[in-house]
Amino acid sequence: MLHFDAVTLKQLRALATVLSEGGVTAAANRLGLTPPAISTQLRTLEANIGGPVLHRAEGGRMTPTAEGLELLAAARRITAALDDCRRHINALRSGLQGLVTLGVVSTGKYFAPRIVALARRLLPGIEIVLRIGNREEMHAALEDGEIDLAVMGRPPRTLIGNALLLGPHPHVMIAPPDHPLAGTRDAAPQAILAETFLMREPGSGTRLLAEQFLDQIGGGQGYRTLELGTNETIKQGVIAGLGLAVISGHTVVAELETGRLALVGAAGLPIQRHWFVVMPQGRPRSAACAVVAQFLTEQRDGYLPRFDWRPTGGGGG
């Protein structure tokens, strides 16, 4: 009767070592056991499969039976699987393998795909899953443990100690290229405040910066706003002549280069902020998470856009 559920790795290892070393005594020396212990393992293995696994050929050389050959092949497959498992565990513990959920605020979605593409080349064992949302959504996701890391502007006050600086994040004022203020290097506050400003939704860090800037130059003076909700809609609204906008410079690189949008210069512009990678507080991080955080800081020049933010063309002010 077969009792395969009773076959153990020790029994298979004893069989494989006897065959590779040429005998019970040599196998015992290799495994650090006694010859009787090896013989016991072999007898138990034979009892479990209901037949002999070895026979002694001429000259005393051990050779496997047909059943022994099948067991030997199984032992090799098991050993290979265990070796592969060991490599994967070592990779997990070293942070070179795993799954990391990376939150990115909406203004970062223009370079977020470059993060994933760069990571696939440099960290092939780590899968990065992107999640996009506004600043409030990313803060809540960090607190709830729904994401492992977040790339955002100003970190939440409670997580400042868990933030690493990535690089500059300038915010600029944009206008249609044929607007009177387009290309102006020092637009007057009153000229700016006379315009309608296209805004992101409440909870957006970009909206907060725009409101702070306009409140500062106007001393509390009112101004017209139109909420459009997304960076793409705002860009298209500015191109269409609905108004001006204060927006992340990293979201308008292509439009500025092709002349579909123009910059408006003024005192206090560009608004210089920074990108951070923010980690949740009070929760253990995986080794892969730590590796990705380090990757984001070291490889920032590979994914953060570069551009000259000085207005060109135009005139007055």
C-alpha atoms as a PDB file:
ATOM      1  CA  MET A   1       0.000   0.000   0.000  1.00  0.00           C
ATOM      2  CA  LEU A   2       1.213   3.495  -0.828  1.00  0.00           C
ATOM      3  CA  HIS A   3       1.496   6.060   1.969  1.00  0.00           C
ATOM      4  CA  PHE A   4       2.707   9.120   0.100  1.00  0.00           C
ATOM      5  CA  ASP A   5       1.371  11.432   2.781  1.00  0.00           C
ATOM      6  CA  ALA A   6       4.017   9.926   5.076  1.00  0.00           C
ATOM      7  CA  VAL A   7       6.935  10.524   2.680  1.00  0.00           C
ATOM      8  CA  THR A   8       9.166  13.259   4.113  1.00  0.00           C
ATOM      9  CA  LEU A   9      11.832  15.548   2.768  1.00  0.00           C
ATOM     10  CA  LYS A  10      14.366  13.845   5.042  1.00  0.00           C
ATOM     11  CA  GLN A  11      13.624  10.483   3.424  1.00  0.00           C
ATOM     12  CA  LEU A  12      13.972  11.894  -0.081  1.00  0.00           C
ATOM     13  CA  ARG A  13      17.155  13.710   0.850  1.00  0.00           C
ATOM     14  CA  ALA A  14      18.605  10.494   2.262  1.00  0.00           C
ATOM     15  CA  LEU A  15      17.845   8.690  -1.007  1.00  0.00           C
ATOM     16  CA  ALA A  16      19.340  11.437  -3.162  1.00  0.00           C
ATOM     17  CA  THR A  17      22.478  11.720  -1.030  1.00  0.00           C
ATOM     18  CA  VAL A  18      23.106   7.948  -0.967  1.00  0.00           C
ATOM     19  CA  LEU A  19      22.969   7.927  -4.749  1.00  0.00           C
ATOM     20  CA  SER A  20      25.123  11.024  -5.203  1.00  0.00           C
ATOM     21  CA  GLU A  21      27.724   9.934  -2.630  1.00  0.00           C
ATOM     22  CA  GLY A  22      27.745   6.264  -3.633  1.00  0.00           C
ATOM     23  CA  GLY A  23      26.807   4.688  -0.334  1.00  0.00           C
ATOM     24  CA  VAL A  24      25.153   4.939   3.068  1.00  0.00           C
ATOM     25  CA  THR A  25      28.312   5.780   5.028  1.00  0.00           C
ATOM     26  CA  ALA A  26      29.350   8.566   2.655  1.00  0.00           C
ATOM     27  CA  ALA A  27      25.786   9.944   2.697  1.00  0.00           C
ATOM     28  CA  ALA A  28      25.772   9.923   6.489  1.00  0.00           C
ATOM     29  CA  ASN A  29      29.038  11.906   6.546  1.00  0.00           C
ATOM     30  CA  ARG A  30      27.630  14.402   4.045  1.00  0.00           C
ATOM     31  CA  LEU A  31      24.426  14.981   6.012  1.00  0.00           C
ATOM     32  CA  GLY A  32      26.010  14.886   9.458  1.00  0.00           C
ATOM     33  CA  LEU A  33      24.067  11.802  10.495  1.00  0.00           C
ATOM     34  CA  THR A  34      24.936   8.225  11.464  1.00  0.00           C
ATOM     35  CA  PRO A  35      24.750   5.357   8.929  1.00  0.00           C
ATOM     36  CA  PRO A  36      21.932   3.697  10.919  1.00  0.00           C
ATOM     37  CA  ALA A  37      19.907   6.940  10.728  1.00  0.00           C
ATOM     38  CA  ILE A  38      20.293   6.999   6.952  1.00  0.00           C
ATOM     39  CA  SER A  39      19.322   3.326   6.714  1.00  0.00           C
ATOM     40  CA  THR A  40      16.234   3.996   8.847  1.00  0.00           C
ATOM     41  CA  GLN A  41      15.167   6.822   6.544  1.00  0.00           C
ATOM     42  CA  LEU A  42      15.525   4.550   3.508  1.00  0.00           C
ATOM     43  CA  ARG A  43      13.606   1.670   5.100  1.00  0.00           C
ATOM     44  CA  THR A  44      10.794   4.005   6.121  1.00  0.00           C
ATOM     45  CA  LEU A  45      10.681   5.438   2.602  1.00  0.00           C
ATOM     46  CA  GLU A  46      10.429   1.922   1.140  1.00  0.00           C
ATOM     47  CA  ALA A  47       7.646   1.069   3.584  1.00  0.00           C
ATOM     48  CA  ASN A  48       5.755   4.220   2.564  1.00  0.00           C
ATOM     49  CA  ILE A  49       5.847   3.422  -1.153  1.00  0.00           C
ATOM     50  CA  GLY A  50       5.511  -0.326  -0.688  1.00  0.00           C
ATOM     51  CA  GLY A  51       8.672  -1.413  -2.488  1.00  0.00           C
ATOM     52  CA  PRO A  52      12.470  -1.083  -2.759  1.00  0.00           C
ATOM     53  CA  VAL A  53      14.046   2.200  -3.856  1.00  0.00           C
ATOM     54  CA  LEU A  54      17.652   0.984  -4.213  1.00  0.00           C
ATOM     55  CA  HIS A  55      19.465  -2.105  -5.241  1.00  0.00           C
ATOM     56  CA  ARG A  56      23.118  -2.930  -4.996  1.00  0.00           C
ATOM     57  CA  ALA A  57      24.825  -3.429  -8.358  1.00  0.00           C
ATOM     58  CA  GLU A  58      28.100  -5.229  -9.056  1.00  0.00           C
ATOM     59  CA  GLY A  59      30.953  -3.845  -7.008  1.00  0.00           C
ATOM     60  CA  GLY A  60      28.592  -2.699  -4.278  1.00  0.00           C
ATOM     61  CA  ARG A  61      27.489   0.403  -6.164  1.00  0.00           C
ATOM     62  CA  MET A  62      23.996   1.676  -5.240  1.00  0.00           C
ATOM     63  CA  THR A  63      21.566   2.245  -8.131  1.00  0.00           C
ATOM     64  CA  PRO A  64      17.915   3.342  -7.993  1.00  0.00           C
ATOM     65  CA  THR A  65      14.996   1.124  -8.814  1.00  0.00           C
ATOM     66  CA  ALA A  66      12.304   2.415 -11.170  1.00  0.00           C
ATOM     67  CA  GLU A  67      10.415   3.661  -8.107  1.00  0.00           C
ATOM     68  CA  GLY A  68      13.638   5.160  -6.785  1.00  0.00           C
ATOM     69  CA  LEU A  69      14.148   7.082 -10.027  1.00  0.00           C
ATOM     70  CA  GLU A  70      10.672   8.603  -9.730  1.00  0.00           C
ATOM     71  CA  LEU A  71      11.333   9.584  -6.120  1.00  0.00           C
ATOM     72  CA  LEU A  72      14.710  11.032  -7.065  1.00  0.00           C
ATOM     73  CA  ALA A  73      13.103  13.189  -9.765  1.00  0.00           C
ATOM     74  CA  ALA A  74      10.504  14.370  -7.253  1.00  0.00           C
ATOM     75  CA  ALA A  75      13.265  15.173  -4.747  1.00  0.00           C
ATOM     76  CA  ARG A  76      15.045  17.300  -7.349  1.00  0.00           C
ATOM     77  CA  ARG A  77      11.848  19.191  -8.173  1.00  0.00           C
ATOM     78  CA  ILE A  78      11.149  19.794  -4.493  1.00  0.00           C
ATOM     79  CA  THR A  79      14.709  20.994  -3.891  1.00  0.00           C
ATOM     80  CA  ALA A  80      14.482  23.348  -6.873  1.00  0.00           C
ATOM     81  CA  ALA A  81      11.137  24.702  -5.617  1.00  0.00           C
ATOM     82  CA  LEU A  82      12.569  25.258  -2.140  1.00  0.00           C
ATOM     83  CA  ASP A  83      15.614  27.027  -3.599  1.00  0.00           C
ATOM     84  CA  ASP A  84      13.311  29.256  -5.621  1.00  0.00           C
ATOM     85  CA  CYS A  85      11.230  29.920  -2.508  1.00  0.00           C
ATOM     86  CA  ARG A  86      14.369  30.842  -0.570  1.00  0.00           C
ATOM     87  CA  ARG A  87      15.399  33.310  -3.263  1.00  0.00           C
ATOM     88  CA  HIS A  88      11.965  34.917  -3.239  1.00  0.00           C
ATOM     89  CA  ILE A  89      11.945  35.203   0.551  1.00  0.00           C
ATOM     90  CA  ASN A  90      15.408  36.762   0.525  1.00  0.00           C
ATOM     91  CA  ALA A  91      14.216  39.189  -2.167  1.00  0.00           C
ATOM     92  CA  LEU A  92      11.155  40.100  -0.097  1.00  0.00           C
ATOM     93  CA  ARG A  93      13.233  40.697   3.001  1.00  0.00           C
ATOM     94  CA  SER A  94      15.766  42.776   1.111  1.00  0.00           C
ATOM     95  CA  GLY A  95      13.006  44.843  -0.490  1.00  0.00           C
ATOM     96  CA  LEU A  96      13.848  43.740  -4.035  1.00  0.00           C
ATOM     97  CA  GLN A  97      10.497  42.051  -4.500  1.00  0.00           C
ATOM     98  CA  GLY A  98       6.962  42.908  -3.485  1.00  0.00           C
ATOM     99  CA  LEU A  99       3.931  45.086  -4.145  1.00  0.00           C
ATOM    100  CA  VAL A 100       3.823  48.805  -3.291  1.00  0.00           C
ATOM    101  CA  THR A 101       0.731  50.983  -3.669  1.00  0.00           C
ATOM    102  CA  LEU A 102       1.858  54.504  -4.519  1.00  0.00           C
ATOM    103  CA  GLY A 103      -0.559  57.392  -4.173  1.00  0.00           C
ATOM    104  CA  VAL A 104       0.076  60.452  -6.351  1.00  0.00           C
ATOM    105  CA  VAL A 105      -1.808  63.740  -6.136  1.00  0.00           C
ATOM    106  CA  SER A 106      -3.604  64.784  -9.312  1.00  0.00           C
ATOM    107  CA  THR A 107      -0.956  67.311 -10.349  1.00  0.00           C
ATOM    108  CA  GLY A 108       1.627  64.516 -10.337  1.00  0.00           C
ATOM    109  CA  LYS A 109      -0.231  62.250 -12.743  1.00  0.00           C
ATOM    110  CA  TYR A 110       1.676  63.842 -15.627  1.00  0.00           C
ATOM    111  CA  PHE A 111       4.955  62.288 -14.485  1.00  0.00           C
ATOM    112  CA  ALA A 112       3.641  59.332 -12.413  1.00  0.00           C
ATOM    113  CA  PRO A 113       3.784  56.913 -15.398  1.00  0.00           C
ATOM    114  CA  ARG A 114       7.502  57.717 -15.717  1.00  0.00           C
ATOM    115  CA  ILE A 115       7.960  56.594 -12.115  1.00  0.00           C
ATOM    116  CA  VAL A 116       6.451  53.195 -12.928  1.00  0.00           C
ATOM    117  CA  ALA A 117       8.424  52.834 -16.175  1.00  0.00           C
ATOM    118  CA  LEU A 118      11.697  53.732 -14.439  1.00  0.00           C
ATOM    119  CA  ALA A 119      10.964  51.344 -11.562  1.00  0.00           C
ATOM    120  CA  ARG A 120      10.300  48.486 -13.980  1.00  0.00           C
ATOM    121  CA  ARG A 121      13.823  48.921 -15.338  1.00  0.00           C
ATOM    122  CA  LEU A 122      15.629  49.493 -12.042  1.00  0.00           C
ATOM    123  CA  LEU A 123      13.422  47.504  -9.629  1.00  0.00           C
ATOM    124  CA  PRO A 124      12.024  44.674 -11.790  1.00  0.00           C
ATOM    125  CA  GLY A 125      10.967  42.574  -8.803  1.00  0.00           C
ATOM    126  CA  ILE A 126       8.715  45.278  -7.337  1.00  0.00           C
ATOM    127  CA  GLU A 127       5.254  45.987  -8.717  1.00  0.00           C
ATOM    128  CA  ILE A 128       4.060  49.563  -8.208  1.00  0.00           C
ATOM    129  CA  VAL A 129       0.316  50.172  -8.272  1.00  0.00           C
ATOM    130  CA  LEU A 130      -0.660  53.826  -8.826  1.00  0.00           C
ATOM    131  CA  ARG A 131      -3.571  55.546  -7.149  1.00  0.00           C
ATOM    132  CA  ILE A 132      -4.421  59.126  -8.163  1.00  0.00           C
ATOM    133  CA  GLY A 133      -6.433  61.650  -6.097  1.00  0.00           C
ATOM    134  CA  ASN A 134      -6.379  65.140  -4.666  1.00  0.00           C
ATOM    135  CA  ARG A 135      -4.446  66.106  -1.565  1.00  0.00           C
ATOM    136  CA  GLU A 136      -7.255  65.374   0.889  1.00  0.00           C
ATOM    137  CA  GLU A 137      -7.897  61.972  -0.679  1.00  0.00           C
ATOM    138  CA  MET A 138      -4.214  61.032  -0.461  1.00  0.00           C
ATOM    139  CA  HIS A 139      -4.048  62.163   3.169  1.00  0.00           C
ATOM    140  CA  ALA A 140      -7.072  60.018   4.040  1.00  0.00           C
ATOM    141  CA  ALA A 141      -5.628  57.039   2.133  1.00  0.00           C
ATOM    142  CA  LEU A 142      -2.383  57.321   4.109  1.00  0.00           C
ATOM    143  CA  GLU A 143      -4.240  57.468   7.412  1.00  0.00           C
ATOM    144  CA  ASP A 144      -6.457  54.516   6.489  1.00  0.00           C
ATOM    145  CA  GLY A 145      -3.523  52.393   5.294  1.00  0.00           C
ATOM    146  CA  GLU A 146      -4.915  52.154   1.761  1.00  0.00           C
ATOM    147  CA  ILE A 147      -1.601  53.232   0.211  1.00  0.00           C
ATOM    148  CA  ASP A 148       2.013  52.596   1.213  1.00  0.00           C
ATOM    149  CA  LEU A 149       3.519  55.891   0.013  1.00  0.00           C
ATOM    150  CA  ALA A 150       2.246  59.168  -1.421  1.00  0.00           C
ATOM    151  CA  VAL A 151       3.873  61.717  -3.708  1.00  0.00           C
ATOM    152  CA  MET A 152       2.415  65.130  -2.931  1.00  0.00           C
ATOM    153  CA  GLY A 153       3.240  68.758  -2.288  1.00  0.00           C
ATOM    154  CA  ARG A 154       3.121  70.125   1.253  1.00  0.00           C
ATOM    155  CA  PRO A 155       2.831  67.074   3.548  1.00  0.00           C
ATOM    156  CA  PRO A 156      -0.011  66.943   6.080  1.00  0.00           C
ATOM    157  CA  ARG A 157       1.107  68.499   9.359  1.00  0.00           C
ATOM    158  CA  THR A 158       0.773  65.184  11.188  1.00  0.00           C
ATOM    159  CA  LEU A 159       3.094  63.456   8.696  1.00  0.00           C
ATOM    160  CA  ILE A 160       5.848  66.047   8.240  1.00  0.00           C
ATOM    161  CA  GLY A 161       8.274  63.787  10.123  1.00  0.00           C
ATOM    162  CA  ASN A 162       7.505  60.990   7.657  1.00  0.00           C
ATOM    163  CA  ALA A 163       8.238  62.980   4.493  1.00  0.00           C
ATOM    164  CA  LEU A 164      11.309  62.955   2.246  1.00  0.00           C
ATOM    165  CA  LEU A 165      12.087  65.868  -0.082  1.00  0.00           C
ATOM    166  CA  LEU A 166      11.996  64.968  -3.778  1.00  0.00           C
ATOM    167  CA  GLY A 167      12.474  68.190  -5.701  1.00  0.00           C
ATOM    168  CA  PRO A 168      11.073  71.589  -6.757  1.00  0.00           C
ATOM    169  CA  HIS A 169       7.415  71.985  -7.647  1.00  0.00           C
ATOM    170  CA  PRO A 170       6.825  75.477  -9.095  1.00  0.00           C
ATOM    171  CA  HIS A 171       3.322  76.851  -9.577  1.00  0.00           C
ATOM    172  CA  VAL A 172       2.807  79.358 -12.371  1.00  0.00           C
ATOM    173  CA  MET A 173       0.109  81.611 -13.781  1.00  0.00           C
ATOM    174  CA  ILE A 174      -1.047  80.696 -17.270  1.00  0.00           C
ATOM    175  CA  ALA A 175      -2.970  82.596 -19.936  1.00  0.00           C
ATOM    176  CA  PRO A 176      -3.916  82.136 -23.582  1.00  0.00           C
ATOM    177  CA  PRO A 177      -0.985  83.160 -25.812  1.00  0.00           C
ATOM    178  CA  ASP A 178      -2.971  86.129 -27.215  1.00  0.00           C
ATOM    179  CA  HIS A 179      -3.984  87.484 -23.797  1.00  0.00           C
ATOM    180  CA  PRO A 180      -2.750  91.020 -22.916  1.00  0.00           C
ATOM    181  CA  LEU A 181      -0.898  89.646 -19.875  1.00  0.00           C
ATOM    182  CA  ALA A 182       0.708  86.731 -21.750  1.00  0.00           C
ATOM    183  CA  GLY A 183       4.493  86.946 -21.461  1.00  0.00           C
ATOM    184  CA  THR A 184       4.298  89.829 -18.983  1.00  0.00           C
ATOM    185  CA  ARG A 185       7.188  89.707 -16.544  1.00  0.00           C
ATOM    186  CA  ASP A 186       5.724  91.893 -13.788  1.00  0.00           C
ATOM    187  CA  ALA A 187       1.958  92.125 -14.104  1.00  0.00           C
ATOM    188  CA  ALA A 188       0.271  94.594 -11.741  1.00  0.00           C
ATOM    189  CA  PRO A 189      -1.905  93.111  -8.966  1.00  0.00           C
ATOM    190  CA  GLN A 190      -4.990  95.032 -10.137  1.00  0.00           C
ATOM    191  CA  ALA A 191      -4.584  93.758 -13.688  1.00  0.00           C
ATOM    192  CA  ILE A 192      -4.400  90.227 -12.351  1.00  0.00           C
ATOM    193  CA  LEU A 193      -7.359  90.602  -9.992  1.00  0.00           C
ATOM    194  CA  ALA A 194      -9.508  91.928 -12.835  1.00  0.00           C
ATOM    195  CA  GLU A 195      -9.368  88.484 -14.471  1.00  0.00           C
ATOM    196  CA  THR A 196     -11.497  85.406 -13.858  1.00  0.00           C
ATOM    197  CA  PHE A 197      -9.524  82.542 -12.314  1.00  0.00           C
ATOM    198  CA  LEU A 198     -10.203  78.906 -13.080  1.00  0.00           C
ATOM    199  CA  MET A 199      -9.955  76.769  -9.947  1.00  0.00           C
ATOM    200  CA  ARG A 200      -9.628  73.129  -8.952  1.00  0.00           C
ATOM    201  CA  GLU A 201     -12.143  71.491  -6.612  1.00  0.00           C
ATOM    202  CA  PRO A 202     -12.143  72.098  -2.810  1.00  0.00           C
ATOM    203  CA  GLY A 203      -9.514  69.925  -1.122  1.00  0.00           C
ATOM    204  CA  SER A 204      -6.986  70.492  -3.905  1.00  0.00           C
ATOM    205  CA  GLY A 205      -3.559  71.776  -2.891  1.00  0.00           C
ATOM    206  CA  THR A 206      -3.363  73.696  -6.171  1.00  0.00           C
ATOM    207  CA  ARG A 207      -6.573  75.575  -5.341  1.00  0.00           C
ATOM    208  CA  LEU A 208      -5.264  76.410  -1.876  1.00  0.00           C
ATOM    209  CA  LEU A 209      -2.052  77.891  -3.323  1.00  0.00           C
ATOM    210  CA  ALA A 210      -3.983  79.898  -5.936  1.00  0.00           C
ATOM    211  CA  GLU A 211      -6.314  81.354  -3.304  1.00  0.00           C
ATOM    212  CA  GLN A 212      -3.410  82.225  -1.017  1.00  0.00           C
ATOM    213  CA  PHE A 213      -1.574  84.008  -3.824  1.00  0.00           C
ATOM    214  CA  LEU A 214      -4.618  86.010  -4.975  1.00  0.00           C
ATOM    215  CA  ASP A 215      -5.558  86.926  -1.397  1.00  0.00           C
ATOM    216  CA  GLN A 216      -2.003  88.078  -0.766  1.00  0.00           C
ATOM    217  CA  ILE A 217      -1.676  90.364  -3.812  1.00  0.00           C
ATOM    218  CA  GLY A 218      -5.196  91.735  -3.331  1.00  0.00           C
ATOM    219  CA  GLY A 219      -5.077  92.249   0.421  1.00  0.00           C
ATOM    220  CA  GLY A 220      -8.380  90.466   0.752  1.00  0.00           C
ATOM    221  CA  GLN A 221      -9.938  92.075  -2.331  1.00  0.00           C
ATOM    222  CA  GLY A 222     -12.464  89.888  -4.095  1.00  0.00           C
ATOM    223  CA  TYR A 223     -11.917  88.221  -7.485  1.00  0.00           C
ATOM    224  CA  ARG A 224     -13.968  86.112  -9.855  1.00  0.00           C
ATOM    225  CA  THR A 225     -13.522  82.358  -9.939  1.00  0.00           C
ATOM    226  CA  LEU A 226     -14.863  79.486 -11.995  1.00  0.00           C
ATOM    227  CA  GLU A 227     -14.480  75.931 -10.700  1.00  0.00           C
ATOM    228  CA  LEU A 228     -13.609  73.390 -13.378  1.00  0.00           C
ATOM    229  CA  GLY A 229     -12.280  70.618 -11.192  1.00  0.00           C
ATOM    230  CA  THR A 230      -9.395  69.003 -13.089  1.00  0.00           C
ATOM    231  CA  ASN A 231      -6.074  70.243 -14.412  1.00  0.00           C
ATOM    232  CA  GLU A 232      -6.960  69.147 -17.940  1.00  0.00           C
ATOM    233  CA  THR A 233     -10.269  71.017 -17.899  1.00  0.00           C
ATOM    234  CA  ILE A 234      -8.569  74.084 -16.464  1.00  0.00           C
ATOM    235  CA  LYS A 235      -5.906  74.037 -19.192  1.00  0.00           C
ATOM    236  CA  GLN A 236      -8.522  73.721 -21.903  1.00  0.00           C
ATOM    237  CA  GLY A 237     -10.561  76.480 -20.250  1.00  0.00           C
ATOM    238  CA  VAL A 238      -7.576  78.837 -20.271  1.00  0.00           C
ATOM    239  CA  ILE A 239      -6.818  77.991 -23.914  1.00  0.00           C
ATOM    240  CA  ALA A 240     -10.475  78.726 -24.745  1.00  0.00           C
ATOM    241  CA  GLY A 241     -10.291  82.139 -23.049  1.00  0.00           C
ATOM    242  CA  LEU A 242     -12.465  81.429 -19.997  1.00  0.00           C
ATOM    243  CA  GLY A 243      -9.890  82.965 -17.677  1.00  0.00           C
ATOM    244  CA  LEU A 244      -6.429  82.609 -16.170  1.00  0.00           C
ATOM    245  CA  ALA A 245      -5.189  80.000 -13.717  1.00  0.00           C
ATOM    246  CA  VAL A 246      -2.504  79.390 -11.126  1.00  0.00           C
ATOM    247  CA  ILE A 247      -1.448  75.807 -11.695  1.00  0.00           C
ATOM    248  CA  SER A 248       1.408  73.383 -11.209  1.00  0.00           C
ATOM    249  CA  GLY A 249       4.096  74.104 -13.766  1.00  0.00           C
ATOM    250  CA  HIS A 250       4.615  70.369 -14.183  1.00  0.00           C
ATOM    251  CA  THR A 251       1.126  70.022 -15.664  1.00  0.00           C
ATOM    252  CA  VAL A 252       1.637  72.533 -18.495  1.00  0.00           C
ATOM    253  CA  VAL A 253       5.099  71.697 -19.862  1.00  0.00           C
ATOM    254  CA  ALA A 254       3.797  70.469 -23.227  1.00  0.00           C
ATOM    255  CA  GLU A 255       1.370  73.363 -23.732  1.00  0.00           C
ATOM    256  CA  LEU A 256       4.032  75.973 -22.930  1.00  0.00           C
ATOM    257  CA  GLU A 257       6.541  74.346 -25.271  1.00  0.00           C
ATOM    258  CA  THR A 258       4.049  74.259 -28.144  1.00  0.00           C
ATOM    259  CA  GLY A 259       2.763  77.782 -27.516  1.00  0.00           C
ATOM    260  CA  ARG A 260      -0.806  76.796 -26.657  1.00  0.00           C
ATOM    261  CA  LEU A 261      -0.394  78.493 -23.282  1.00  0.00           C
ATOM    262  CA  ALA A 262       1.771  81.349 -22.055  1.00  0.00           C
ATOM    263  CA  LEU A 263       3.118  82.372 -18.665  1.00  0.00           C
ATOM    264  CA  VAL A 264       2.180  85.489 -16.745  1.00  0.00           C
ATOM    265  CA  GLY A 265       4.948  86.865 -14.547  1.00  0.00           C
ATOM    266  CA  ALA A 266       4.312  88.840 -11.367  1.00  0.00           C
ATOM    267  CA  ALA A 267       5.823  89.446  -7.956  1.00  0.00           C
ATOM    268  CA  GLY A 268       5.650  86.175  -6.039  1.00  0.00           C
ATOM    269  CA  LEU A 269       5.603  84.013  -9.156  1.00  0.00           C
ATOM    270  CA  PRO A 270       6.416  81.275  -9.675  1.00  0.00           C
ATOM    271  CA  ILE A 271       5.220  80.036  -6.295  1.00  0.00           C
ATOM    272  CA  GLN A 272       8.038  77.768  -5.228  1.00  0.00           C
ATOM    273  CA  ARG A 273       6.904  74.578  -3.547  1.00  0.00           C
ATOM    274  CA  HIS A 274       8.400  71.100  -3.397  1.00  0.00           C
ATOM    275  CA  TRP A 275       7.427  67.524  -4.046  1.00  0.00           C
ATOM    276  CA  PHE A 276       7.654  65.067  -1.153  1.00  0.00           C
ATOM    277  CA  VAL A 277       7.271  61.349  -0.748  1.00  0.00           C
ATOM    278  CA  VAL A 278       5.165  60.818   2.367  1.00  0.00           C
ATOM    279  CA  MET A 279       4.940  57.631   4.409  1.00  0.00           C
ATOM    280  CA  PRO A 280       2.134  56.644   6.806  1.00  0.00           C
ATOM    281  CA  GLN A 281       2.697  57.041  10.517  1.00  0.00           C
ATOM    282  CA  GLY A 282       2.558  54.350  13.159  1.00  0.00           C
ATOM    283  CA  ARG A 283       2.438  51.458  10.711  1.00  0.00           C
ATOM    284  CA  PRO A 284       5.277  49.048   9.887  1.00  0.00           C
ATOM    285  CA  ARG A 285       6.595  49.426   6.337  1.00  0.00           C
ATOM    286  CA  SER A 286       7.670  46.552   4.144  1.00  0.00           C
ATOM    287  CA  ALA A 287      11.236  46.355   2.898  1.00  0.00           C
ATOM    288  CA  ALA A 288       9.935  46.946  -0.645  1.00  0.00           C
ATOM    289  CA  CYS A 289       8.236  50.140   0.538  1.00  0.00           C
ATOM    290  CA  ALA A 290      11.530  51.432   1.952  1.00  0.00           C
ATOM    291  CA  VAL A 291      13.320  50.553  -1.291  1.00  0.00           C
ATOM    292  CA  VAL A 292      10.735  52.445  -3.383  1.00  0.00           C
ATOM    293  CA  ALA A 293      10.960  55.501  -1.109  1.00  0.00           C
ATOM    294  CA  GLN A 294      14.731  55.535  -1.579  1.00  0.00           C
ATOM    295  CA  PHE A 295      14.305  54.996  -5.326  1.00  0.00           C
ATOM    296  CA  LEU A 296      11.956  57.991  -5.561  1.00  0.00           C
ATOM    297  CA  THR A 297      14.476  60.295  -3.899  1.00  0.00           C
ATOM    298  CA  GLU A 298      17.538  59.027  -5.785  1.00  0.00           C
ATOM    299  CA  GLN A 299      15.931  58.880  -9.247  1.00  0.00           C
ATOM    300  CA  ARG A 300      13.937  62.139  -9.142  1.00  0.00           C
ATOM    301  CA  ASP A 301      15.875  63.594 -12.080  1.00  0.00           C
ATOM    302  CA  GLY A 302      14.583  60.684 -14.138  1.00  0.00           C
ATOM    303  CA  TYR A 303      10.891  61.511 -13.732  1.00  0.00           C
ATOM    304  CA  LEU A 304      10.406  65.105 -12.497  1.00  0.00           C
ATOM    305  CA  PRO A 305       9.936  67.520 -15.438  1.00  0.00           C
ATOM    306  CA  ARG A 306      12.503  70.237 -16.112  1.00  0.00           C
ATOM    307  CA  PHE A 307      11.561  73.574 -17.651  1.00  0.00           C
ATOM    308  CA  ASP A 308      12.485  77.278 -17.707  1.00  0.00           C
ATOM    309  CA  TRP A 309       9.611  78.979 -15.888  1.00  0.00           C
ATOM    310  CA  ARG A 310      10.478  82.560 -16.922  1.00  0.00           C
ATOM    311  CA  PRO A 311       7.853  84.307 -19.080  1.00  0.00           C
ATOM    312  CA  THR A 312       8.957  85.080 -22.626  1.00  0.00           C
ATOM    313  CA  GLY A 313       7.477  87.406 -25.176  1.00  0.00           C
ATOM    314  CA  GLY A 314       4.735  89.870 -24.397  1.00  0.00           C
ATOM    315  CA  GLY A 315       5.479  93.134 -22.784  1.00  0.00           C
ATOM    316  CA  GLY A 316       3.972  95.433 -20.309  1.00  0.00           C
ATOM    317  CA  GLY A 317       3.145  95.095 -16.743  1.00  0.00           C
END
